[in-house]
Amino acid sequence: MSGFVGIDDFTKDTNSTGTVIILGDGQEIFRKDGLKGGDLPLEINVDLTGVLKLQIQFESSTNSGGQIDIVIGDAKLLY
């Protein structure tokens, strides 16, 4: 899987941070902590060879910093 992860422009001014977690067959295979508004999107490449069940999780630590929206853009599943 390839693509970009980042914070949506709508919530770029928040003080909150976000995390993207990708699980393959229940095992964590990718994690990016500390995503912040205003940062450039991060390019990701995750090997999904042999994965039957794919899960993508978004977590935010609001800490009274407001809403944060995490975006995956230009995502491609490569096989």
N, C-alpha and C. Protein backbone atom coordinates (compact mmCIF):
# COMPACT_ATOMS: atom_id res chain seq x y z
N MET A 1 0.86 -1.16 0.00
CA MET A 1 0.00 0.00 0.00
C MET A 1 0.90 1.22 0.00
N SER A 2 0.57 2.16 -0.84
CA SER A 2 1.31 3.41 -0.85
C SER A 2 0.33 4.57 -0.81
N GLY A 3 0.81 5.71 -0.41
CA GLY A 3 -0.02 6.90 -0.34
C GLY A 3 0.62 7.94 0.56
N PHE A 4 -0.21 8.84 1.04
CA PHE A 4 0.24 9.92 1.91
C PHE A 4 -0.71 10.01 3.10
N VAL A 5 -0.17 10.33 4.28
CA VAL A 5 -1.00 10.59 5.46
C VAL A 5 -0.69 11.99 5.96
N GLY A 6 -1.71 12.64 6.46
CA GLY A 6 -1.53 13.98 6.99
C GLY A 6 -2.80 14.47 7.65
N ILE A 7 -2.77 15.73 8.03
CA ILE A 7 -3.89 16.36 8.71
C ILE A 7 -4.69 17.19 7.70
N ASP A 8 -6.00 17.02 7.73
CA ASP A 8 -6.88 17.78 6.84
C ASP A 8 -6.73 19.28 7.09
N ASP A 9 -6.76 20.05 6.02
CA ASP A 9 -6.61 21.51 6.13
C ASP A 9 -7.67 22.14 7.04
N PHE A 10 -8.85 21.53 7.12
CA PHE A 10 -9.92 22.06 7.96
C PHE A 10 -9.52 22.12 9.43
N THR A 11 -8.67 21.19 9.88
CA THR A 11 -8.26 21.14 11.29
C THR A 11 -6.77 21.42 11.46
N LYS A 12 -6.17 22.10 10.51
CA LYS A 12 -4.71 22.33 10.54
C LYS A 12 -4.26 23.23 11.69
N ASP A 13 -5.16 24.03 12.25
CA ASP A 13 -4.77 24.95 13.31
C ASP A 13 -4.97 24.39 14.71
N THR A 14 -5.34 23.14 14.83
CA THR A 14 -5.55 22.52 16.13
C THR A 14 -4.21 22.27 16.83
N ASN A 15 -4.25 22.18 18.15
CA ASN A 15 -3.06 21.82 18.92
C ASN A 15 -2.99 20.32 19.16
N SER A 16 -4.00 19.59 18.74
CA SER A 16 -4.03 18.14 18.93
C SER A 16 -3.05 17.45 17.99
N THR A 17 -2.71 16.22 18.33
CA THR A 17 -1.88 15.40 17.46
C THR A 17 -2.63 14.12 17.12
N GLY A 18 -2.22 13.46 16.06
CA GLY A 18 -2.89 12.25 15.62
C GLY A 18 -1.92 11.13 15.33
N THR A 19 -2.47 9.92 15.27
CA THR A 19 -1.70 8.72 14.99
C THR A 19 -2.44 7.89 13.95
N VAL A 20 -1.70 7.35 13.00
CA VAL A 20 -2.23 6.39 12.03
C VAL A 20 -1.60 5.04 12.33
N ILE A 21 -2.44 4.02 12.43
CA ILE A 21 -1.97 2.66 12.69
C ILE A 21 -2.55 1.76 11.61
N ILE A 22 -1.69 0.97 10.97
CA ILE A 22 -2.14 0.00 9.97
C ILE A 22 -1.85 -1.38 10.51
N LEU A 23 -2.90 -2.22 10.52
CA LEU A 23 -2.80 -3.59 11.00
C LEU A 23 -3.02 -4.55 9.85
N GLY A 24 -2.21 -5.59 9.81
CA GLY A 24 -2.37 -6.67 8.85
C GLY A 24 -2.60 -7.95 9.60
N ASP A 25 -3.76 -8.56 9.42
CA ASP A 25 -4.13 -9.78 10.13
C ASP A 25 -3.96 -9.63 11.64
N GLY A 26 -4.33 -8.45 12.15
CA GLY A 26 -4.31 -8.20 13.59
C GLY A 26 -2.97 -7.76 14.15
N GLN A 27 -1.93 -7.71 13.33
CA GLN A 27 -0.60 -7.31 13.78
C GLN A 27 -0.27 -5.91 13.26
N GLU A 28 0.28 -5.09 14.13
CA GLU A 28 0.67 -3.74 13.71
C GLU A 28 1.83 -3.82 12.73
N ILE A 29 1.64 -3.25 11.54
CA ILE A 29 2.71 -3.27 10.53
C ILE A 29 3.17 -1.86 10.17
N PHE A 30 2.44 -0.85 10.63
CA PHE A 30 2.85 0.54 10.41
C PHE A 30 2.22 1.40 11.48
N ARG A 31 3.00 2.38 11.95
CA ARG A 31 2.48 3.34 12.93
C ARG A 31 3.20 4.66 12.73
N LYS A 32 2.44 5.73 12.71
CA LYS A 32 3.02 7.07 12.67
C LYS A 32 2.33 7.91 13.74
N ASP A 33 3.09 8.27 14.76
CA ASP A 33 2.60 9.10 15.85
C ASP A 33 2.96 10.57 15.60
N GLY A 34 2.30 11.45 16.29
CA GLY A 34 2.68 12.85 16.31
C GLY A 34 2.34 13.65 15.08
N LEU A 35 1.34 13.22 14.32
CA LEU A 35 0.92 14.02 13.16
C LEU A 35 0.29 15.31 13.66
N LYS A 36 0.74 16.44 13.12
CA LYS A 36 0.26 17.75 13.57
C LYS A 36 -0.24 18.57 12.39
N GLY A 37 -1.21 19.41 12.67
CA GLY A 37 -1.70 20.32 11.65
C GLY A 37 -0.59 21.24 11.16
N GLY A 38 -0.58 21.49 9.87
CA GLY A 38 0.45 22.33 9.28
C GLY A 38 1.65 21.57 8.76
N ASP A 39 1.83 20.32 9.21
CA ASP A 39 2.93 19.49 8.69
C ASP A 39 2.61 19.07 7.25
N LEU A 40 3.63 18.86 6.47
CA LEU A 40 3.44 18.34 5.12
C LEU A 40 2.99 16.88 5.20
N PRO A 41 2.20 16.40 4.22
CA PRO A 41 1.82 15.00 4.21
C PRO A 41 3.05 14.10 4.17
N LEU A 42 2.94 12.96 4.83
CA LEU A 42 4.03 11.99 4.90
C LEU A 42 3.77 10.87 3.90
N GLU A 43 4.73 10.59 3.04
CA GLU A 43 4.58 9.48 2.09
C GLU A 43 4.79 8.17 2.83
N ILE A 44 3.90 7.21 2.57
CA ILE A 44 4.03 5.90 3.21
C ILE A 44 4.06 4.80 2.15
N ASN A 45 4.78 3.74 2.47
CA ASN A 45 4.83 2.52 1.67
C ASN A 45 4.82 1.36 2.65
N VAL A 46 3.76 0.57 2.63
CA VAL A 46 3.59 -0.52 3.59
C VAL A 46 3.46 -1.83 2.81
N ASP A 47 4.29 -2.81 3.16
CA ASP A 47 4.25 -4.12 2.50
C ASP A 47 3.07 -4.92 3.03
N LEU A 48 2.13 -5.25 2.17
CA LEU A 48 0.95 -6.02 2.56
C LEU A 48 0.99 -7.45 2.03
N THR A 49 2.16 -7.91 1.66
CA THR A 49 2.30 -9.27 1.12
C THR A 49 1.72 -10.29 2.10
N GLY A 50 0.80 -11.10 1.64
CA GLY A 50 0.21 -12.16 2.45
C GLY A 50 -0.88 -11.72 3.41
N VAL A 51 -1.16 -10.44 3.48
CA VAL A 51 -2.18 -9.93 4.41
C VAL A 51 -3.57 -10.23 3.86
N LEU A 52 -4.41 -10.83 4.71
CA LEU A 52 -5.78 -11.14 4.33
C LEU A 52 -6.78 -10.13 4.88
N LYS A 53 -6.50 -9.58 6.07
CA LYS A 53 -7.40 -8.62 6.69
C LYS A 53 -6.62 -7.34 6.98
N LEU A 54 -7.03 -6.25 6.36
CA LEU A 54 -6.37 -4.95 6.51
C LEU A 54 -7.25 -4.03 7.35
N GLN A 55 -6.65 -3.42 8.38
CA GLN A 55 -7.35 -2.44 9.21
C GLN A 55 -6.52 -1.16 9.25
N ILE A 56 -7.19 -0.02 9.13
CA ILE A 56 -6.54 1.27 9.25
C ILE A 56 -7.23 2.01 10.38
N GLN A 57 -6.45 2.39 11.40
CA GLN A 57 -7.01 3.07 12.57
C GLN A 57 -6.45 4.48 12.67
N PHE A 58 -7.29 5.40 13.13
CA PHE A 58 -6.89 6.77 13.41
C PHE A 58 -7.13 7.03 14.89
N GLU A 59 -6.14 7.60 15.55
CA GLU A 59 -6.30 7.98 16.95
C GLU A 59 -5.90 9.44 17.09
N SER A 60 -6.55 10.12 18.02
CA SER A 60 -6.17 11.50 18.29
C SER A 60 -6.04 11.72 19.78
N SER A 61 -5.11 12.57 20.14
CA SER A 61 -4.97 12.98 21.53
C SER A 61 -5.44 14.42 21.59
N THR A 62 -6.70 14.61 21.93
CA THR A 62 -7.28 15.95 21.86
C THR A 62 -6.68 16.89 22.89
N ASN A 63 -6.45 16.43 24.11
CA ASN A 63 -5.85 17.28 25.14
C ASN A 63 -6.39 18.70 25.10
N SER A 64 -7.69 18.84 24.90
CA SER A 64 -8.35 20.15 24.81
C SER A 64 -7.81 21.00 23.67
N GLY A 65 -7.14 20.37 22.71
CA GLY A 65 -6.59 21.11 21.59
C GLY A 65 -7.56 21.24 20.44
N GLY A 66 -8.69 20.57 20.53
CA GLY A 66 -9.68 20.64 19.46
C GLY A 66 -9.66 19.42 18.57
N GLN A 67 -10.60 19.43 17.65
CA GLN A 67 -10.77 18.32 16.71
C GLN A 67 -9.57 18.22 15.77
N ILE A 68 -9.24 17.00 15.38
CA ILE A 68 -8.20 16.77 14.37
C ILE A 68 -8.70 15.71 13.40
N ASP A 69 -8.56 15.97 12.12
CA ASP A 69 -8.98 15.03 11.09
C ASP A 69 -7.76 14.55 10.32
N ILE A 70 -7.58 13.24 10.31
CA ILE A 70 -6.44 12.63 9.62
C ILE A 70 -6.91 12.12 8.27
N VAL A 71 -6.08 12.31 7.26
CA VAL A 71 -6.44 11.97 5.89
C VAL A 71 -5.39 11.04 5.29
N ILE A 72 -5.86 10.03 4.54
CA ILE A 72 -4.97 9.23 3.69
C ILE A 72 -5.30 9.62 2.26
N GLY A 73 -4.30 10.08 1.54
CA GLY A 73 -4.51 10.53 0.17
C GLY A 73 -3.75 9.70 -0.84
N ASP A 74 -4.30 9.61 -2.03
CA ASP A 74 -3.67 8.91 -3.15
C ASP A 74 -3.30 7.47 -2.78
N ALA A 75 -4.14 6.83 -1.97
CA ALA A 75 -3.86 5.47 -1.50
C ALA A 75 -3.99 4.47 -2.64
N LYS A 76 -3.03 3.56 -2.70
CA LYS A 76 -3.05 2.50 -3.72
C LYS A 76 -2.70 1.18 -3.06
N LEU A 77 -3.51 0.17 -3.34
CA LEU A 77 -3.18 -1.19 -2.92
C LEU A 77 -2.44 -1.85 -4.07
N LEU A 78 -1.20 -2.21 -3.83
CA LEU A 78 -0.37 -2.83 -4.86
C LEU A 78 -0.32 -4.33 -4.62
N TYR A 79 -0.40 -5.09 -5.68
CA TYR A 79 -0.34 -6.55 -5.54
C TYR A 79 0.53 -7.14 -6.59
